[in-house]
Amino acid sequence: MLDLNLVNFFKSNSWWFDDVSEDYKHALTSIGLNLNDDISKFYLHVEDGVTFYNRSQEIYQLCWFIINTDYLLTTMAARSTFDLSEDYIPLNDISNGTYFYNIKDKSVVFLELGESLVEFRDGNPKYKWNDFNSFITWYFER
């Protein structure tokens, strides 16, 4: 369940939508997400255009990107660039570092080529959130 403070923040910004689009549900399940997970709750209900911008970084409105862009190609390229398994899906492009959601353990990690990638491969990621709720709380500074 998304943190109530987050939900209230999204509602106060008119970003929260109670109605859920069937296209958005299909988009998320098409990339292996469980609709009951926090990441899905966020992307099914929160929208402020095609991206969100905070902490000097954009993240996608994932459903919109899956439906309207070549997101699957972007995903394959990002996984290839960082040598990641199919468990990882990018939440933004790879131009300034990338937030990746891990479908299996539900964590989020931020990777850039260089030191952060080496630390990640060594099992000590510099930027990791153990769940999506923690990540999105940090991202929106709530």
Protein backbone atom coordinates (compact mmCIF):
# COMPACT_ATOMS: atom_id res chain seq x y z
CA MET A 1 0.00 0.00 0.00
CA LEU A 2 1.32 3.41 -0.89
CA ASP A 3 2.01 5.62 2.08
CA LEU A 4 -1.03 7.77 2.91
CA ASN A 5 1.15 10.91 3.04
CA LEU A 6 2.17 10.21 -0.55
CA VAL A 7 -1.41 9.66 -1.67
CA ASN A 8 -2.45 12.93 -0.03
CA PHE A 9 0.47 14.72 -1.68
CA PHE A 10 -0.55 13.37 -5.09
CA LYS A 11 -4.16 14.32 -4.49
CA SER A 12 -3.20 17.84 -3.40
CA ASN A 13 -1.33 18.27 -6.68
CA SER A 14 -4.27 16.83 -8.70
CA TRP A 15 -2.07 13.94 -9.82
CA TRP A 16 -4.18 11.16 -8.24
CA PHE A 17 -6.88 9.47 -10.31
CA ASP A 18 -9.28 6.99 -8.72
CA ASP A 19 -10.33 5.40 -12.00
CA VAL A 20 -7.88 2.87 -13.39
CA SER A 21 -7.37 2.49 -17.12
CA GLU A 22 -7.56 -1.05 -18.52
CA ASP A 23 -4.81 -0.05 -20.98
CA TYR A 24 -2.59 0.95 -18.07
CA LYS A 25 -3.27 -2.35 -16.30
CA HIS A 26 -2.35 -4.26 -19.44
CA ALA A 27 0.79 -2.15 -19.92
CA LEU A 28 2.08 -3.01 -16.45
CA THR A 29 1.28 -6.72 -16.66
CA SER A 30 2.93 -6.85 -20.10
CA ILE A 31 6.30 -6.11 -18.46
CA GLY A 32 5.78 -8.55 -15.60
CA LEU A 33 4.50 -6.28 -12.84
CA ASN A 34 1.96 -7.49 -10.29
CA LEU A 35 -0.99 -5.08 -10.17
CA ASN A 36 -1.14 -5.38 -6.36
CA ASP A 37 2.42 -4.11 -5.83
CA ASP A 38 3.15 -0.53 -4.77
CA ILE A 39 4.81 0.30 -8.06
CA SER A 40 1.64 -0.64 -9.92
CA LYS A 41 -0.59 1.27 -7.50
CA PHE A 42 1.54 4.34 -8.13
CA TYR A 43 1.55 4.09 -11.92
CA LEU A 44 -2.14 3.18 -12.16
CA HIS A 45 -3.27 6.16 -10.09
CA VAL A 46 -0.68 8.93 -10.37
CA GLU A 47 -0.04 11.04 -13.43
CA ASP A 48 1.39 14.49 -14.08
CA GLY A 49 2.08 14.29 -17.79
CA VAL A 50 4.42 11.78 -19.36
CA THR A 51 7.13 12.16 -16.71
CA PHE A 52 7.63 13.26 -13.14
CA TYR A 53 10.50 15.58 -12.30
CA ASN A 54 12.15 15.90 -8.92
CA ARG A 55 15.63 15.67 -7.43
CA SER A 56 17.05 16.92 -10.76
CA GLN A 57 15.92 13.73 -12.48
CA GLU A 58 12.93 12.60 -14.50
CA ILE A 59 11.15 9.32 -14.09
CA TYR A 60 8.63 8.01 -16.57
CA GLN A 61 4.91 7.72 -16.16
CA LEU A 62 5.63 4.09 -16.95
CA CYS A 63 2.22 3.13 -18.31
CA TRP A 64 2.23 5.99 -20.80
CA PHE A 65 5.75 5.10 -21.96
CA ILE A 66 4.94 1.41 -22.40
CA ILE A 67 1.89 2.24 -24.53
CA ASN A 68 3.23 5.18 -26.54
CA THR A 69 6.96 4.67 -27.04
CA ASP A 70 9.52 2.00 -27.79
CA TYR A 71 9.88 1.34 -24.06
CA LEU A 72 10.64 -2.35 -24.59
CA LEU A 73 13.62 -1.44 -26.79
CA THR A 74 14.71 1.13 -24.21
CA THR A 75 14.47 -1.57 -21.55
CA MET A 76 16.60 -4.00 -23.55
CA ALA A 77 19.20 -1.30 -24.25
CA ALA A 78 19.35 -0.27 -20.58
CA ARG A 79 19.71 -3.86 -19.40
CA SER A 80 22.42 -4.44 -21.98
CA THR A 81 24.29 -1.25 -21.06
CA PHE A 82 24.37 -2.19 -17.36
CA ASP A 83 24.51 -5.97 -17.94
CA LEU A 84 21.34 -6.59 -15.91
CA SER A 85 18.92 -9.50 -15.85
CA GLU A 86 15.31 -9.30 -17.00
CA ASP A 87 14.34 -8.68 -13.37
CA TYR A 88 15.26 -5.02 -13.80
CA ILE A 89 13.08 -2.45 -15.52
CA PRO A 90 14.20 1.14 -16.05
CA LEU A 91 12.13 3.95 -14.58
CA ASN A 92 13.84 6.58 -16.74
CA ASP A 93 16.29 6.87 -19.62
CA ILE A 94 20.01 6.16 -19.31
CA SER A 95 21.34 9.63 -20.11
CA ASN A 96 21.99 10.77 -16.50
CA GLY A 97 21.96 7.51 -14.62
CA THR A 98 18.98 5.23 -14.32
CA TYR A 99 16.61 4.11 -11.61
CA PHE A 100 15.86 0.41 -12.00
CA TYR A 101 13.02 -1.46 -10.33
CA ASN A 102 13.73 -5.10 -9.51
CA ILE A 103 10.58 -7.13 -10.17
CA LYS A 104 11.68 -10.03 -7.96
CA ASP A 105 12.76 -8.30 -4.76
CA LYS A 106 10.76 -5.07 -5.36
CA SER A 107 13.76 -2.83 -4.67
CA VAL A 108 14.92 0.22 -6.62
CA VAL A 109 18.53 0.96 -7.43
CA PHE A 110 20.16 3.96 -9.13
CA LEU A 111 22.99 3.12 -11.50
CA GLU A 112 25.45 5.13 -13.51
CA LEU A 113 28.36 3.85 -15.52
CA GLY A 114 31.44 3.94 -13.36
CA GLU A 115 31.75 3.73 -9.59
CA SER A 116 28.07 3.16 -8.76
CA LEU A 117 27.90 0.26 -11.22
CA VAL A 118 31.07 -1.30 -9.76
CA GLU A 119 29.65 -0.95 -6.23
CA PHE A 120 26.38 -2.52 -7.39
CA ARG A 121 28.18 -5.47 -8.97
CA ASP A 122 30.22 -5.90 -5.78
CA GLY A 123 26.96 -6.21 -3.83
CA ASN A 124 27.18 -2.79 -2.19
CA PRO A 125 24.99 -0.44 -4.21
CA LYS A 126 25.45 3.19 -3.22
CA TYR A 127 21.86 4.14 -4.01
CA LYS A 128 19.29 1.47 -3.17
CA TRP A 129 15.79 1.53 -1.72
CA ASN A 130 14.46 -1.76 -0.37
CA ASP A 131 10.96 -1.17 -1.71
CA PHE A 132 9.18 1.09 -4.17
CA ASN A 133 7.32 2.97 -1.46
CA SER A 134 10.63 4.02 0.14
CA PHE A 135 11.98 5.09 -3.23
CA ILE A 136 8.97 7.15 -4.25
CA THR A 137 8.84 8.76 -0.78
CA TRP A 138 12.49 9.76 -1.16
CA TYR A 139 12.01 10.88 -4.78
CA PHE A 140 9.16 13.25 -3.95
CA GLU A 141 10.83 14.33 -0.69
CA ARG A 142 7.85 13.36 1.44
